[in-house]
Amino acid sequence: MKKVTGILAIAVMALGMATTAIENTTNEIETKNNVSKTFQCDDCDAPVGDRKPPKRIA
């Protein structure tokens, strides 16, 4: 019974570590997307009709 409990504990820990790594990667990707959206528009505070079109990111 101890072996089964030990194996189960290791499996749960591995699942938790994988979930944490995936969440961190997702947060980094979202942050990069938000930063790139911020830099696309130079004059976003201007009225809608006066804005230049967004820049393309290479």
N, C-alpha and C. Protein backbone atom coordinates (compact mmCIF):
# COMPACT_ATOMS: atom_id res chain seq x y z
N MET A 1 0.82 -1.19 0.00
CA MET A 1 0.00 0.00 0.00
C MET A 1 0.86 1.26 0.00
N LYS A 2 2.02 1.20 0.69
CA LYS A 2 2.91 2.36 0.73
C LYS A 2 3.46 2.68 -0.65
N LYS A 3 3.74 1.65 -1.45
CA LYS A 3 4.27 1.88 -2.79
C LYS A 3 3.23 2.58 -3.67
N VAL A 4 1.99 2.15 -3.56
CA VAL A 4 0.92 2.76 -4.35
C VAL A 4 0.74 4.22 -3.95
N THR A 5 0.77 4.48 -2.66
CA THR A 5 0.63 5.85 -2.17
C THR A 5 1.79 6.71 -2.65
N GLY A 6 3.01 6.16 -2.61
CA GLY A 6 4.18 6.90 -3.06
C GLY A 6 4.11 7.21 -4.55
N ILE A 7 3.71 6.23 -5.35
CA ILE A 7 3.59 6.43 -6.79
C ILE A 7 2.51 7.47 -7.08
N LEU A 8 1.39 7.39 -6.39
CA LEU A 8 0.31 8.34 -6.57
C LEU A 8 0.75 9.76 -6.19
N ALA A 9 1.50 9.88 -5.11
CA ALA A 9 1.99 11.20 -4.68
C ALA A 9 2.93 11.80 -5.72
N ILE A 10 3.80 10.99 -6.28
CA ILE A 10 4.73 11.47 -7.31
C ILE A 10 3.96 11.88 -8.56
N ALA A 11 2.95 11.11 -8.93
CA ALA A 11 2.16 11.45 -10.11
C ALA A 11 1.42 12.78 -9.92
N VAL A 12 0.85 12.98 -8.74
CA VAL A 12 0.13 14.23 -8.46
C VAL A 12 1.11 15.41 -8.46
N MET A 13 2.30 15.22 -7.89
CA MET A 13 3.30 16.28 -7.88
C MET A 13 3.74 16.62 -9.30
N ALA A 14 3.96 15.62 -10.13
CA ALA A 14 4.37 15.85 -11.51
C ALA A 14 3.27 16.60 -12.28
N LEU A 15 2.03 16.23 -12.06
CA LEU A 15 0.92 16.92 -12.71
C LEU A 15 0.85 18.38 -12.26
N GLY A 16 1.04 18.62 -10.99
CA GLY A 16 1.04 19.99 -10.47
C GLY A 16 2.17 20.82 -11.05
N MET A 17 3.36 20.24 -11.16
CA MET A 17 4.49 20.96 -11.74
C MET A 17 4.25 21.26 -13.21
N ALA A 18 3.68 20.33 -13.96
CA ALA A 18 3.40 20.54 -15.38
C ALA A 18 2.35 21.64 -15.55
N THR A 19 1.33 21.62 -14.71
CA THR A 19 0.29 22.65 -14.77
C THR A 19 0.87 24.03 -14.48
N THR A 20 1.73 24.12 -13.50
CA THR A 20 2.36 25.39 -13.16
C THR A 20 3.22 25.90 -14.31
N ALA A 21 3.98 25.02 -14.93
CA ALA A 21 4.82 25.42 -16.06
C ALA A 21 3.98 25.91 -17.23
N ILE A 22 2.88 25.24 -17.50
CA ILE A 22 2.00 25.65 -18.61
C ILE A 22 1.37 27.01 -18.31
N GLU A 23 0.94 27.23 -17.08
CA GLU A 23 0.34 28.52 -16.72
C GLU A 23 1.36 29.65 -16.84
N ASN A 24 2.61 29.41 -16.41
CA ASN A 24 3.64 30.44 -16.51
C ASN A 24 3.93 30.77 -17.97
N THR A 25 3.97 29.76 -18.82
CA THR A 25 4.22 29.99 -20.24
C THR A 25 3.09 30.79 -20.86
N THR A 26 1.86 30.46 -20.50
CA THR A 26 0.70 31.18 -21.02
C THR A 26 0.74 32.64 -20.58
N ASN A 27 1.09 32.90 -19.33
CA ASN A 27 1.16 34.28 -18.83
C ASN A 27 2.24 35.07 -19.57
N GLU A 28 3.38 34.43 -19.86
CA GLU A 28 4.44 35.13 -20.59
C GLU A 28 3.99 35.48 -22.00
N ILE A 29 3.29 34.57 -22.65
CA ILE A 29 2.81 34.82 -24.01
C ILE A 29 1.79 35.96 -24.00
N GLU A 30 0.88 35.97 -23.04
CA GLU A 30 -0.11 37.04 -22.95
C GLU A 30 0.56 38.38 -22.70
N THR A 31 1.60 38.41 -21.86
CA THR A 31 2.32 39.65 -21.58
C THR A 31 3.00 40.16 -22.83
N LYS A 32 3.63 39.27 -23.61
CA LYS A 32 4.29 39.68 -24.85
C LYS A 32 3.27 40.22 -25.84
N ASN A 33 2.10 39.60 -25.92
CA ASN A 33 1.05 40.10 -26.82
C ASN A 33 0.57 41.48 -26.39
N ASN A 34 0.40 41.68 -25.09
CA ASN A 34 -0.05 42.98 -24.59
C ASN A 34 1.00 44.06 -24.88
N VAL A 35 2.28 43.74 -24.72
CA VAL A 35 3.33 44.71 -24.98
C VAL A 35 3.37 45.05 -26.47
N SER A 36 3.26 44.05 -27.33
CA SER A 36 3.31 44.33 -28.76
C SER A 36 2.10 45.15 -29.20
N LYS A 37 0.94 44.93 -28.60
CA LYS A 37 -0.24 45.74 -28.92
C LYS A 37 -0.04 47.17 -28.46
N THR A 38 0.64 47.36 -27.35
CA THR A 38 0.89 48.70 -26.84
C THR A 38 1.77 49.49 -27.80
N PHE A 39 2.77 48.85 -28.38
CA PHE A 39 3.70 49.54 -29.25
C PHE A 39 3.21 49.68 -30.69
N GLN A 40 2.07 49.09 -31.02
CA GLN A 40 1.55 49.20 -32.37
C GLN A 40 0.99 50.59 -32.67
N CYS A 41 0.51 51.28 -31.68
CA CYS A 41 -0.18 52.55 -31.90
C CYS A 41 0.61 53.67 -31.24
N ASP A 42 1.07 54.65 -32.04
CA ASP A 42 1.82 55.77 -31.49
C ASP A 42 0.92 56.80 -30.83
N ASP A 43 -0.24 57.05 -31.43
CA ASP A 43 -1.11 58.12 -30.93
C ASP A 43 -2.50 57.57 -30.60
N CYS A 44 -2.55 56.59 -29.73
CA CYS A 44 -3.82 55.95 -29.39
C CYS A 44 -4.74 56.88 -28.60
N ASP A 45 -4.19 57.97 -28.04
CA ASP A 45 -5.02 58.90 -27.29
C ASP A 45 -5.75 59.88 -28.20
N ALA A 46 -5.35 59.93 -29.47
CA ALA A 46 -5.99 60.84 -30.42
C ALA A 46 -7.40 60.35 -30.73
N PRO A 47 -8.29 61.24 -31.17
CA PRO A 47 -9.64 60.79 -31.56
C PRO A 47 -9.56 59.74 -32.67
N VAL A 48 -10.56 58.90 -32.75
CA VAL A 48 -10.54 57.75 -33.66
C VAL A 48 -10.28 58.15 -35.11
N GLY A 49 -10.85 59.24 -35.59
CA GLY A 49 -10.68 59.66 -36.97
C GLY A 49 -9.27 60.17 -37.27
N ASP A 50 -8.54 60.63 -36.24
CA ASP A 50 -7.22 61.22 -36.45
C ASP A 50 -6.08 60.23 -36.29
N ARG A 51 -6.37 58.99 -35.94
CA ARG A 51 -5.32 58.01 -35.69
C ARG A 51 -4.71 57.50 -36.98
N LYS A 52 -3.40 57.20 -36.90
CA LYS A 52 -2.71 56.55 -38.01
C LYS A 52 -3.02 55.06 -37.91
N PRO A 53 -2.95 54.32 -39.01
CA PRO A 53 -3.18 52.87 -38.93
C PRO A 53 -2.04 52.21 -38.12
N PRO A 54 -2.32 51.09 -37.46
CA PRO A 54 -1.29 50.43 -36.65
C PRO A 54 -0.12 49.96 -37.50
N LYS A 55 1.05 49.93 -36.91
CA LYS A 55 2.26 49.46 -37.59
C LYS A 55 2.24 47.94 -37.66
N ARG A 56 2.86 47.39 -38.68
CA ARG A 56 3.00 45.94 -38.80
C ARG A 56 4.23 45.51 -38.00
N ILE A 57 4.13 44.42 -37.29
CA ILE A 57 5.26 43.90 -36.54
C ILE A 57 5.93 42.83 -37.38
N ALA A 58 7.24 43.01 -37.59
CA ALA A 58 7.97 42.05 -38.44
C ALA A 58 8.39 40.85 -37.63
